[in-house]
Amino acid sequence: MIVVAVRDLLFRSKITSAAERLAVPIVLVPRDRPLADVVREAPGASVLADLNQPGLVSELAALKRDTGARVVGFLGHLQADLIEAAEEAGVDEVLTRGQLTGRLDEVLRRG
């Protein structure tokens, strides 16, 4: 199972469609719920997250510390400061949106 923390509706749709096609179970994080709560309800789940969401990198650091969940993060374009912050937070893999789009099936299958 993959917990998906993405607010961009177009990208959420792209991820949802690919997951359905690949029969990979996902859970979309509602806007009004903390990511950590959703992950705790899905033990063993990995996380796919849009790193450009305000405050999300800090939330991911706490999540990694508390659950050890595998996290793949992506961002709109190469942002050195954000990439560094994500890596310091323990994000396992950081991709650009373009890289994620090109490797979406692989990322979803790997979980």
PDB file of N, CA and C in Angstrom:
ATOM      1  N   MET A   1       0.846  -1.177   0.000  1.00  0.00           N
ATOM      2  CA  MET A   1       0.000   0.000   0.000  1.00  0.00           C
ATOM      3  C   MET A   1       0.891   1.240   0.000  1.00  0.00           C
ATOM      4  N   ILE A   2       0.436   2.252  -0.716  1.00  0.00           N
ATOM      5  CA  ILE A   2       1.162   3.517  -0.786  1.00  0.00           C
ATOM      6  C   ILE A   2       0.219   4.643  -0.348  1.00  0.00           C
ATOM      7  N   VAL A   3       0.682   5.441   0.591  1.00  0.00           N
ATOM      8  CA  VAL A   3      -0.052   6.623   1.019  1.00  0.00           C
ATOM      9  C   VAL A   3       0.443   7.778   0.156  1.00  0.00           C
ATOM     10  N   VAL A   4      -0.487   8.442  -0.515  1.00  0.00           N
ATOM     11  CA  VAL A   4      -0.142   9.493  -1.476  1.00  0.00           C
ATOM     12  C   VAL A   4      -0.535  10.858  -0.909  1.00  0.00           C
ATOM     13  N   ALA A   5       0.477  11.705  -0.692  1.00  0.00           N
ATOM     14  CA  ALA A   5       0.261  13.055  -0.182  1.00  0.00           C
ATOM     15  C   ALA A   5       0.538  14.039  -1.311  1.00  0.00           C
ATOM     16  N   VAL A   6      -0.475  14.265  -2.134  1.00  0.00           N
ATOM     17  CA  VAL A   6      -0.362  15.131  -3.302  1.00  0.00           C
ATOM     18  C   VAL A   6      -1.643  15.951  -3.400  1.00  0.00           C
ATOM     19  N   ARG A   7      -1.504  17.274  -3.437  1.00  0.00           N
ATOM     20  CA  ARG A   7      -2.689  18.137  -3.528  1.00  0.00           C
ATOM     21  C   ARG A   7      -3.044  18.507  -4.956  1.00  0.00           C
ATOM     22  N   ASP A   8      -2.059  18.529  -5.849  1.00  0.00           N
ATOM     23  CA  ASP A   8      -2.295  18.884  -7.243  1.00  0.00           C
ATOM     24  C   ASP A   8      -3.250  17.870  -7.862  1.00  0.00           C
ATOM     25  N   LEU A   9      -4.431  18.325  -8.250  1.00  0.00           N
ATOM     26  CA  LEU A   9      -5.468  17.412  -8.734  1.00  0.00           C
ATOM     27  C   LEU A   9      -5.064  16.660  -9.997  1.00  0.00           C
ATOM     28  N   LEU A  10      -4.357  17.313 -10.897  1.00  0.00           N
ATOM     29  CA  LEU A  10      -3.918  16.647 -12.114  1.00  0.00           C
ATOM     30  C   LEU A  10      -2.944  15.516 -11.790  1.00  0.00           C
ATOM     31  N   PHE A  11      -2.004  15.793 -10.893  1.00  0.00           N
ATOM     32  CA  PHE A  11      -1.025  14.769 -10.542  1.00  0.00           C
ATOM     33  C   PHE A  11      -1.668  13.651  -9.724  1.00  0.00           C
ATOM     34  N   ARG A  12      -2.615  14.000  -8.842  1.00  0.00           N
ATOM     35  CA  ARG A  12      -3.340  12.969  -8.079  1.00  0.00           C
ATOM     36  C   ARG A  12      -4.048  12.030  -9.051  1.00  0.00           C
ATOM     37  N   SER A  13      -4.664  12.599 -10.070  1.00  0.00           N
ATOM     38  CA  SER A  13      -5.375  11.804 -11.058  1.00  0.00           C
ATOM     39  C   SER A  13      -4.420  10.889 -11.813  1.00  0.00           C
ATOM     40  N   LYS A  14      -3.263  11.408 -12.193  1.00  0.00           N
ATOM     41  CA  LYS A  14      -2.256  10.626 -12.912  1.00  0.00           C
ATOM     42  C   LYS A  14      -1.792   9.443 -12.047  1.00  0.00           C
ATOM     43  N   ILE A  15      -1.534   9.699 -10.766  1.00  0.00           N
ATOM     44  CA  ILE A  15      -1.089   8.646  -9.852  1.00  0.00           C
ATOM     45  C   ILE A  15      -2.197   7.628  -9.623  1.00  0.00           C
ATOM     46  N   THR A  16      -3.410   8.103  -9.407  1.00  0.00           N
ATOM     47  CA  THR A  16      -4.543   7.207  -9.179  1.00  0.00           C
ATOM     48  C   THR A  16      -4.786   6.308 -10.383  1.00  0.00           C
ATOM     49  N   SER A  17      -4.750   6.876 -11.573  1.00  0.00           N
ATOM     50  CA  SER A  17      -4.965   6.082 -12.792  1.00  0.00           C
ATOM     51  C   SER A  17      -3.897   5.011 -12.957  1.00  0.00           C
ATOM     52  N   ALA A  18      -2.646   5.381 -12.733  1.00  0.00           N
ATOM     53  CA  ALA A  18      -1.555   4.407 -12.859  1.00  0.00           C
ATOM     54  C   ALA A  18      -1.685   3.312 -11.809  1.00  0.00           C
ATOM     55  N   ALA A  19      -2.029   3.682 -10.589  1.00  0.00           N
ATOM     56  CA  ALA A  19      -2.182   2.694  -9.522  1.00  0.00           C
ATOM     57  C   ALA A  19      -3.311   1.716  -9.843  1.00  0.00           C
ATOM     58  N   GLU A  20      -4.428   2.222 -10.357  1.00  0.00           N
ATOM     59  CA  GLU A  20      -5.539   1.346 -10.736  1.00  0.00           C
ATOM     60  C   GLU A  20      -5.120   0.399 -11.855  1.00  0.00           C
ATOM     61  N   ARG A  21      -4.429   0.924 -12.846  1.00  0.00           N
ATOM     62  CA  ARG A  21      -3.977   0.104 -13.977  1.00  0.00           C
ATOM     63  C   ARG A  21      -3.035  -1.001 -13.515  1.00  0.00           C
ATOM     64  N   LEU A  22      -2.193  -0.691 -12.526  1.00  0.00           N
ATOM     65  CA  LEU A  22      -1.209  -1.646 -12.030  1.00  0.00           C
ATOM     66  C   LEU A  22      -1.721  -2.490 -10.866  1.00  0.00           C
ATOM     67  N   ALA A  23      -2.937  -2.217 -10.414  1.00  0.00           N
ATOM     68  CA  ALA A  23      -3.540  -2.895  -9.263  1.00  0.00           C
ATOM     69  C   ALA A  23      -2.691  -2.709  -7.999  1.00  0.00           C
ATOM     70  N   VAL A  24      -2.180  -1.494  -7.824  1.00  0.00           N
ATOM     71  CA  VAL A  24      -1.413  -1.144  -6.634  1.00  0.00           C
ATOM     72  C   VAL A  24      -2.338  -0.353  -5.713  1.00  0.00           C
ATOM     73  N   PRO A  25      -2.550  -0.841  -4.495  1.00  0.00           N
ATOM     74  CA  PRO A  25      -3.450  -0.111  -3.590  1.00  0.00           C
ATOM     75  C   PRO A  25      -2.811   1.185  -3.090  1.00  0.00           C
ATOM     76  N   ILE A  26      -3.583   2.259  -3.145  1.00  0.00           N
ATOM     77  CA  ILE A  26      -3.125   3.549  -2.637  1.00  0.00           C
ATOM     78  C   ILE A  26      -4.198   4.143  -1.744  1.00  0.00           C
ATOM     79  N   VAL A  27      -3.764   5.061  -0.895  1.00  0.00           N
ATOM     80  CA  VAL A  27      -4.667   5.850  -0.065  1.00  0.00           C
ATOM     81  C   VAL A  27      -4.267   7.302  -0.264  1.00  0.00           C
ATOM     82  N   LEU A  28      -5.209   8.128  -0.664  1.00  0.00           N
ATOM     83  CA  LEU A  28      -4.950   9.554  -0.842  1.00  0.00           C
ATOM     84  C   LEU A  28      -5.164  10.267   0.491  1.00  0.00           C
ATOM     85  N   VAL A  29      -4.211  11.087   0.884  1.00  0.00           N
ATOM     86  CA  VAL A  29      -4.317  11.819   2.141  1.00  0.00           C
ATOM     87  C   VAL A  29      -5.301  12.973   1.957  1.00  0.00           C
ATOM     88  N   PRO A  30      -6.387  12.991   2.727  1.00  0.00           N
ATOM     89  CA  PRO A  30      -7.322  14.119   2.631  1.00  0.00           C
ATOM     90  C   PRO A  30      -6.650  15.406   3.106  1.00  0.00           C
ATOM     91  N   ARG A  31      -7.092  16.520   2.562  1.00  0.00           N
ATOM     92  CA  ARG A  31      -6.494  17.816   2.903  1.00  0.00           C
ATOM     93  C   ARG A  31      -6.598  18.132   4.394  1.00  0.00           C
ATOM     94  N   ASP A  32      -7.610  17.625   5.054  1.00  0.00           N
ATOM     95  CA  ASP A  32      -7.845  17.981   6.457  1.00  0.00           C
ATOM     96  C   ASP A  32      -7.244  16.990   7.457  1.00  0.00           C
ATOM     97  N   ARG A  33      -6.416  16.048   6.981  1.00  0.00           N
ATOM     98  CA  ARG A  33      -5.819  15.051   7.881  1.00  0.00           C
ATOM     99  C   ARG A  33      -4.302  15.096   7.793  1.00  0.00           C
ATOM    100  N   PRO A  34      -3.648  14.968   8.931  1.00  0.00           N
ATOM    101  CA  PRO A  34      -2.181  14.888   8.909  1.00  0.00           C
ATOM    102  C   PRO A  34      -1.720  13.589   8.246  1.00  0.00           C
ATOM    103  N   LEU A  35      -0.656  13.687   7.497  1.00  0.00           N
ATOM    104  CA  LEU A  35      -0.084  12.533   6.810  1.00  0.00           C
ATOM    105  C   LEU A  35       0.209  11.400   7.791  1.00  0.00           C
ATOM    106  N   ALA A  36       0.790  11.729   8.942  1.00  0.00           N
ATOM    107  CA  ALA A  36       1.172  10.699   9.923  1.00  0.00           C
ATOM    108  C   ALA A  36      -0.030   9.875  10.372  1.00  0.00           C
ATOM    109  N   ASP A  37      -1.181  10.499  10.536  1.00  0.00           N
ATOM    110  CA  ASP A  37      -2.377   9.764  10.951  1.00  0.00           C
ATOM    111  C   ASP A  37      -2.767   8.730   9.903  1.00  0.00           C
ATOM    112  N   VAL A  38      -2.703   9.118   8.649  1.00  0.00           N
ATOM    113  CA  VAL A  38      -3.079   8.207   7.566  1.00  0.00           C
ATOM    114  C   VAL A  38      -2.078   7.049   7.487  1.00  0.00           C
ATOM    115  N   VAL A  39      -0.795   7.343   7.646  1.00  0.00           N
ATOM    116  CA  VAL A  39       0.226   6.296   7.592  1.00  0.00           C
ATOM    117  C   VAL A  39       0.053   5.323   8.747  1.00  0.00           C
ATOM    118  N   ARG A  40      -0.248   5.829   9.927  1.00  0.00           N
ATOM    119  CA  ARG A  40      -0.452   4.947  11.089  1.00  0.00           C
ATOM    120  C   ARG A  40      -1.634   3.999  10.884  1.00  0.00           C
ATOM    121  N   GLU A  41      -2.617   4.422  10.103  1.00  0.00           N
ATOM    122  CA  GLU A  41      -3.781   3.576   9.821  1.00  0.00           C
ATOM    123  C   GLU A  41      -3.490   2.550   8.728  1.00  0.00           C
ATOM    124  N   ALA A  42      -2.336   2.639   8.105  1.00  0.00           N
ATOM    125  CA  ALA A  42      -1.941   1.719   7.032  1.00  0.00           C
ATOM    126  C   ALA A  42      -0.546   1.170   7.340  1.00  0.00           C
ATOM    127  N   PRO A  43      -0.425   0.343   8.380  1.00  0.00           N
ATOM    128  CA  PRO A  43       0.893  -0.162   8.772  1.00  0.00           C
ATOM    129  C   PRO A  43       1.621  -0.815   7.593  1.00  0.00           C
ATOM    130  N   GLY A  44       2.904  -0.516   7.493  1.00  0.00           N
ATOM    131  CA  GLY A  44       3.714  -1.080   6.421  1.00  0.00           C
ATOM    132  C   GLY A  44       3.625  -0.327   5.110  1.00  0.00           C
ATOM    133  N   ALA A  45       2.804   0.715   5.066  1.00  0.00           N
ATOM    134  CA  ALA A  45       2.648   1.487   3.833  1.00  0.00           C
ATOM    135  C   ALA A  45       3.885   2.336   3.580  1.00  0.00           C
ATOM    136  N   SER A  46       4.154   2.584   2.320  1.00  0.00           N
ATOM    137  CA  SER A  46       5.170   3.557   1.945  1.00  0.00           C
ATOM    138  C   SER A  46       4.453   4.857   1.597  1.00  0.00           C
ATOM    139  N   VAL A  47       5.225   5.910   1.352  1.00  0.00           N
ATOM    140  CA  VAL A  47       4.646   7.233   1.127  1.00  0.00           C
ATOM    141  C   VAL A  47       5.196   7.810  -0.171  1.00  0.00           C
ATOM    142  N   LEU A  48       4.308   8.404  -0.948  1.00  0.00           N
ATOM    143  CA  LEU A  48       4.660   9.179  -2.136  1.00  0.00           C
ATOM    144  C   LEU A  48       4.157  10.588  -1.867  1.00  0.00           C
ATOM    145  N   ALA A  49       5.082  11.572  -1.815  1.00  0.00           N
ATOM    146  CA  ALA A  49       4.695  12.904  -1.361  1.00  0.00           C
ATOM    147  C   ALA A  49       5.253  14.015  -2.236  1.00  0.00           C
ATOM    148  N   ASP A  50       4.425  15.035  -2.428  1.00  0.00           N
ATOM    149  CA  ASP A  50       4.830  16.251  -3.132  1.00  0.00           C
ATOM    150  C   ASP A  50       5.557  17.144  -2.134  1.00  0.00           C
ATOM    151  N   LEU A  51       6.856  17.280  -2.297  1.00  0.00           N
ATOM    152  CA  LEU A  51       7.685  18.021  -1.349  1.00  0.00           C
ATOM    153  C   LEU A  51       7.436  19.524  -1.374  1.00  0.00           C
ATOM    154  N   ASN A  52       6.737  20.025  -2.379  1.00  0.00           N
ATOM    155  CA  ASN A  52       6.458  21.454  -2.453  1.00  0.00           C
ATOM    156  C   ASN A  52       5.304  21.882  -1.549  1.00  0.00           C
ATOM    157  N   GLN A  53       4.662  20.946  -0.882  1.00  0.00           N
ATOM    158  CA  GLN A  53       3.591  21.298   0.045  1.00  0.00           C
ATOM    159  C   GLN A  53       4.212  21.949   1.284  1.00  0.00           C
ATOM    160  N   PRO A  54       3.734  23.112   1.673  1.00  0.00           N
ATOM    161  CA  PRO A  54       4.300  23.803   2.834  1.00  0.00           C
ATOM    162  C   PRO A  54       4.269  22.929   4.090  1.00  0.00           C
ATOM    163  N   GLY A  55       5.415  22.858   4.766  1.00  0.00           N
ATOM    164  CA  GLY A  55       5.510  22.123   6.021  1.00  0.00           C
ATOM    165  C   GLY A  55       5.640  20.621   5.898  1.00  0.00           C
ATOM    166  N   LEU A  56       5.547  20.096   4.689  1.00  0.00           N
ATOM    167  CA  LEU A  56       5.542  18.637   4.537  1.00  0.00           C
ATOM    168  C   LEU A  56       6.891  18.009   4.858  1.00  0.00           C
ATOM    169  N   VAL A  57       7.976  18.670   4.532  1.00  0.00           N
ATOM    170  CA  VAL A  57       9.294  18.079   4.805  1.00  0.00           C
ATOM    171  C   VAL A  57       9.473  17.858   6.307  1.00  0.00           C
ATOM    172  N   SER A  58       9.050  18.809   7.122  1.00  0.00           N
ATOM    173  CA  SER A  58       9.126  18.634   8.578  1.00  0.00           C
ATOM    174  C   SER A  58       8.247  17.475   9.030  1.00  0.00           C
ATOM    175  N   GLU A  59       7.077  17.386   8.449  1.00  0.00           N
ATOM    176  CA  GLU A  59       6.165  16.289   8.785  1.00  0.00           C
ATOM    177  C   GLU A  59       6.779  14.938   8.387  1.00  0.00           C
ATOM    178  N   LEU A  60       7.469  14.905   7.254  1.00  0.00           N
ATOM    179  CA  LEU A  60       8.113  13.666   6.820  1.00  0.00           C
ATOM    180  C   LEU A  60       9.249  13.266   7.746  1.00  0.00           C
ATOM    181  N   ALA A  61       9.988  14.243   8.279  1.00  0.00           N
ATOM    182  CA  ALA A  61      11.073  13.938   9.210  1.00  0.00           C
ATOM    183  C   ALA A  61      10.515  13.233  10.444  1.00  0.00           C
ATOM    184  N   ALA A  62       9.424  13.748  10.988  1.00  0.00           N
ATOM    185  CA  ALA A  62       8.799  13.124  12.159  1.00  0.00           C
ATOM    186  C   ALA A  62       8.242  11.747  11.802  1.00  0.00           C
ATOM    187  N   LEU A  63       7.660  11.635  10.634  1.00  0.00           N
ATOM    188  CA  LEU A  63       7.098  10.363  10.182  1.00  0.00           C
ATOM    189  C   LEU A  63       8.189   9.301  10.062  1.00  0.00           C
ATOM    190  N   LYS A  64       9.307   9.655   9.447  1.00  0.00           N
ATOM    191  CA  LYS A  64      10.427   8.716   9.308  1.00  0.00           C
ATOM    192  C   LYS A  64      10.923   8.280  10.682  1.00  0.00           C
ATOM    193  N   ARG A  65      11.040   9.237  11.583  1.00  0.00           N
ATOM    194  CA  ARG A  65      11.521   8.951  12.932  1.00  0.00           C
ATOM    195  C   ARG A  65      10.554   8.007  13.667  1.00  0.00           C
ATOM    196  N   ASP A  66       9.253   8.243  13.511  1.00  0.00           N
ATOM    197  CA  ASP A  66       8.249   7.479  14.245  1.00  0.00           C
ATOM    198  C   ASP A  66       7.907   6.130  13.620  1.00  0.00           C
ATOM    199  N   THR A  67       7.892   6.060  12.290  1.00  0.00           N
ATOM    200  CA  THR A  67       7.409   4.838  11.635  1.00  0.00           C
ATOM    201  C   THR A  67       8.446   4.133  10.780  1.00  0.00           C
ATOM    202  N   GLY A  68       9.449   4.871  10.319  1.00  0.00           N
ATOM    203  CA  GLY A  68      10.443   4.280   9.422  1.00  0.00           C
ATOM    204  C   GLY A  68       9.910   3.978   8.037  1.00  0.00           C
ATOM    205  N   ALA A  69       8.743   4.513   7.691  1.00  0.00           N
ATOM    206  CA  ALA A  69       8.137   4.249   6.376  1.00  0.00           C
ATOM    207  C   ALA A  69       9.064   4.700   5.252  1.00  0.00           C
ATOM    208  N   ARG A  70       9.045   3.951   4.157  1.00  0.00           N
ATOM    209  CA  ARG A  70       9.794   4.357   2.964  1.00  0.00           C
ATOM    210  C   ARG A  70       9.082   5.553   2.350  1.00  0.00           C
ATOM    211  N   VAL A  71       9.848   6.589   1.997  1.00  0.00           N
ATOM    212  CA  VAL A  71       9.266   7.811   1.448  1.00  0.00           C
ATOM    213  C   VAL A  71       9.951   8.163   0.136  1.00  0.00           C
ATOM    214  N   VAL A  72       9.134   8.346  -0.891  1.00  0.00           N
ATOM    215  CA  VAL A  72       9.592   8.889  -2.158  1.00  0.00           C
ATOM    216  C   VAL A  72       8.957  10.272  -2.261  1.00  0.00           C
ATOM    217  N   GLY A  73       9.793  11.283  -2.423  1.00  0.00           N
ATOM    218  CA  GLY A  73       9.301  12.640  -2.550  1.00  0.00           C
ATOM    219  C   GLY A  73       9.613  13.188  -3.923  1.00  0.00           C
ATOM    220  N   PHE A  74       8.783  14.108  -4.365  1.00  0.00           N
ATOM    221  CA  PHE A  74       9.041  14.740  -5.659  1.00  0.00           C
ATOM    222  C   PHE A  74       8.778  16.229  -5.560  1.00  0.00           C
ATOM    223  N   LEU A  75       9.380  16.971  -6.480  1.00  0.00           N
ATOM    224  CA  LEU A  75       9.221  18.424  -6.492  1.00  0.00           C
ATOM    225  C   LEU A  75       9.120  18.928  -7.912  1.00  0.00           C
ATOM    226  N   GLY A  76       8.652  20.158  -8.052  1.00  0.00           N
ATOM    227  CA  GLY A  76       8.376  20.731  -9.361  1.00  0.00           C
ATOM    228  C   GLY A  76       9.572  20.850 -10.268  1.00  0.00           C
ATOM    229  N   HIS A  77      10.694  21.199  -9.748  1.00  0.00           N
ATOM    230  CA  HIS A  77      11.926  21.299 -10.518  1.00  0.00           C
ATOM    231  C   HIS A  77      13.079  21.237  -9.529  1.00  0.00           C
ATOM    232  N   LEU A  78      14.288  21.220 -10.031  1.00  0.00           N
ATOM    233  CA  LEU A  78      15.425  21.085  -9.128  1.00  0.00           C
ATOM    234  C   LEU A  78      15.525  22.291  -8.197  1.00  0.00           C
ATOM    235  N   GLN A  79      15.335  22.034  -6.934  1.00  0.00           N
ATOM    236  CA  GLN A  79      15.431  23.053  -5.894  1.00  0.00           C
ATOM    237  C   GLN A  79      16.431  22.525  -4.869  1.00  0.00           C
ATOM    238  N   ALA A  80      17.666  22.964  -4.978  1.00  0.00           N
ATOM    239  CA  ALA A  80      18.746  22.408  -4.165  1.00  0.00           C
ATOM    240  C   ALA A  80      18.446  22.453  -2.668  1.00  0.00           C
ATOM    241  N   ASP A  81      17.904  23.565  -2.173  1.00  0.00           N
ATOM    242  CA  ASP A  81      17.619  23.677  -0.742  1.00  0.00           C
ATOM    243  C   ASP A  81      16.561  22.675  -0.300  1.00  0.00           C
ATOM    244  N   LEU A  82      15.532  22.518  -1.114  1.00  0.00           N
ATOM    245  CA  LEU A  82      14.459  21.589  -0.769  1.00  0.00           C
ATOM    246  C   LEU A  82      14.942  20.137  -0.858  1.00  0.00           C
ATOM    247  N   ILE A  83      15.756  19.844  -1.845  1.00  0.00           N
ATOM    248  CA  ILE A  83      16.319  18.495  -1.961  1.00  0.00           C
ATOM    249  C   ILE A  83      17.164  18.186  -0.729  1.00  0.00           C
ATOM    250  N   GLU A  84      18.003  19.131  -0.327  1.00  0.00           N
ATOM    251  CA  GLU A  84      18.849  18.928   0.849  1.00  0.00           C
ATOM    252  C   GLU A  84      18.000  18.740   2.109  1.00  0.00           C
ATOM    253  N   ALA A  85      16.967  19.558   2.275  1.00  0.00           N
ATOM    254  CA  ALA A  85      16.093  19.437   3.444  1.00  0.00           C
ATOM    255  C   ALA A  85      15.389  18.082   3.459  1.00  0.00           C
ATOM    256  N   ALA A  86      14.948  17.621   2.299  1.00  0.00           N
ATOM    257  CA  ALA A  86      14.273  16.326   2.212  1.00  0.00           C
ATOM    258  C   ALA A  86      15.224  15.188   2.570  1.00  0.00           C
ATOM    259  N   GLU A  87      16.433  15.259   2.063  1.00  0.00           N
ATOM    260  CA  GLU A  87      17.414  14.224   2.377  1.00  0.00           C
ATOM    261  C   GLU A  87      17.746  14.221   3.861  1.00  0.00           C
ATOM    262  N   GLU A  88      17.878  15.413   4.465  1.00  0.00           N
ATOM    263  CA  GLU A  88      18.122  15.499   5.904  1.00  0.00           C
ATOM    264  C   GLU A  88      16.940  14.965   6.705  1.00  0.00           C
ATOM    265  N   ALA A  89      15.742  15.093   6.158  1.00  0.00           N
ATOM    266  CA  ALA A  89      14.537  14.586   6.825  1.00  0.00           C
ATOM    267  C   ALA A  89      14.411  13.068   6.710  1.00  0.00           C
ATOM    268  N   GLY A  90      15.250  12.465   5.879  1.00  0.00           N
ATOM    269  CA  GLY A  90      15.215  11.016   5.738  1.00  0.00           C
ATOM    270  C   GLY A  90      14.429  10.511   4.548  1.00  0.00           C
ATOM    271  N   VAL A  91      14.023  11.410   3.649  1.00  0.00           N
ATOM    272  CA  VAL A  91      13.317  10.972   2.446  1.00  0.00           C
ATOM    273  C   VAL A  91      14.237  10.028   1.678  1.00  0.00           C
ATOM    274  N   ASP A  92      13.725   8.858   1.341  1.00  0.00           N
ATOM    275  CA  ASP A  92      14.546   7.810   0.733  1.00  0.00           C
ATOM    276  C   ASP A  92      14.946   8.109  -0.706  1.00  0.00           C
ATOM    277  N   GLU A  93      14.049   8.757  -1.444  1.00  0.00           N
ATOM    278  CA  GLU A  93      14.330   9.052  -2.852  1.00  0.00           C
ATOM    279  C   GLU A  93      13.650  10.366  -3.206  1.00  0.00           C
ATOM    280  N   VAL A  94      14.394  11.267  -3.842  1.00  0.00           N
ATOM    281  CA  VAL A  94      13.854  12.561  -4.266  1.00  0.00           C
ATOM    282  C   VAL A  94      13.920  12.627  -5.785  1.00  0.00           C
ATOM    283  N   LEU A  95      12.769  12.898  -6.405  1.00  0.00           N
ATOM    284  CA  LEU A  95      12.655  12.960  -7.860  1.00  0.00           C
ATOM    285  C   LEU A  95      12.036  14.289  -8.271  1.00  0.00           C
ATOM    286  N   THR A  96      12.319  14.725  -9.489  1.00  0.00           N
ATOM    287  CA  THR A  96      11.570  15.842 -10.047  1.00  0.00           C
ATOM    288  C   THR A  96      10.235  15.291 -10.543  1.00  0.00           C
ATOM    289  N   ARG A  97       9.294  16.173 -10.812  1.00  0.00           N
ATOM    290  CA  ARG A  97       8.006  15.714 -11.356  1.00  0.00           C
ATOM    291  C   ARG A  97       8.210  14.950 -12.664  1.00  0.00           C
ATOM    292  N   GLY A  98       9.108  15.458 -13.492  1.00  0.00           N
ATOM    293  CA  GLY A  98       9.389  14.793 -14.766  1.00  0.00           C
ATOM    294  C   GLY A  98       9.945  13.397 -14.564  1.00  0.00           C
ATOM    295  N   GLN A  99      10.861  13.252 -13.611  1.00  0.00           N
ATOM    296  CA  GLN A  99      11.410  11.931 -13.324  1.00  0.00           C
ATOM    297  C   GLN A  99      10.322  10.997 -12.801  1.00  0.00           C
ATOM    298  N   LEU A 100       9.471  11.522 -11.925  1.00  0.00           N
ATOM    299  CA  LEU A 100       8.394  10.690 -11.394  1.00  0.00           C
ATOM    300  C   LEU A 100       7.437  10.269 -12.507  1.00  0.00           C
ATOM    301  N   THR A 101       7.097  11.194 -13.372  1.00  0.00           N
ATOM    302  CA  THR A 101       6.207  10.866 -14.481  1.00  0.00           C
ATOM    303  C   THR A 101       6.802   9.752 -15.336  1.00  0.00           C
ATOM    304  N   GLY A 102       8.081   9.846 -15.631  1.00  0.00           N
ATOM    305  CA  GLY A 102       8.738   8.833 -16.455  1.00  0.00           C
ATOM    306  C   GLY A 102       8.904   7.495 -15.768  1.00  0.00           C
ATOM    307  N   ARG A 103       8.931   7.506 -14.439  1.00  0.00           N
ATOM    308  CA  ARG A 103       9.161   6.273 -13.689  1.00  0.00           C
ATOM    309  C   ARG A 103       7.989   5.912 -12.789  1.00  0.00           C
ATOM    310  N   LEU A 104       6.820   6.489 -13.028  1.00  0.00           N
ATOM    311  CA  LEU A 104       5.687   6.304 -12.126  1.00  0.00           C
ATOM    312  C   LEU A 104       5.336   4.841 -11.911  1.00  0.00           C
ATOM    313  N   ASP A 105       5.266   4.063 -12.985  1.00  0.00           N
ATOM    314  CA  ASP A 105       4.928   2.641 -12.837  1.00  0.00           C
ATOM    315  C   ASP A 105       5.932   1.936 -11.931  1.00  0.00           C
ATOM    316  N   GLU A 106       7.194   2.217 -12.141  1.00  0.00           N
ATOM    317  CA  GLU A 106       8.270   1.594 -11.335  1.00  0.00           C
ATOM    318  C   GLU A 106       8.130   1.996  -9.855  1.00  0.00           C
ATOM    319  N   VAL A 107       7.908   3.275  -9.605  1.00  0.00           N
ATOM    320  CA  VAL A 107       7.774   3.774  -8.223  1.00  0.00           C
ATOM    321  C   VAL A 107       6.571   3.122  -7.547  1.00  0.00           C
ATOM    322  N   LEU A 108       5.473   3.024  -8.257  1.00  0.00           N
ATOM    323  CA  LEU A 108       4.274   2.418  -7.663  1.00  0.00           C
ATOM    324  C   LEU A 108       4.456   0.928  -7.413  1.00  0.00           C
ATOM    325  N   ARG A 109       5.056   0.230  -8.339  1.00  0.00           N
ATOM    326  CA  ARG A 109       5.274  -1.216  -8.149  1.00  0.00           C
ATOM    327  C   ARG A 109       6.202  -1.495  -6.972  1.00  0.00           C
ATOM    328  N   ARG A 110       7.201  -0.649  -6.822  1.00  0.00           N
ATOM    329  CA  ARG A 110       8.186  -0.838  -5.755  1.00  0.00           C
ATOM    330  C   ARG A 110       7.600  -0.512  -4.393  1.00  0.00           C
ATOM    331  N   GLY A 111       6.632   0.399  -4.396  1.00  0.00           N
ATOM    332  CA  GLY A 111       5.983   0.761  -3.144  1.00  0.00           C
ATOM    333  C   GLY A 111       6.778   1.536  -2.201  1.00  0.00           C
TER     334      GLY A 111
END
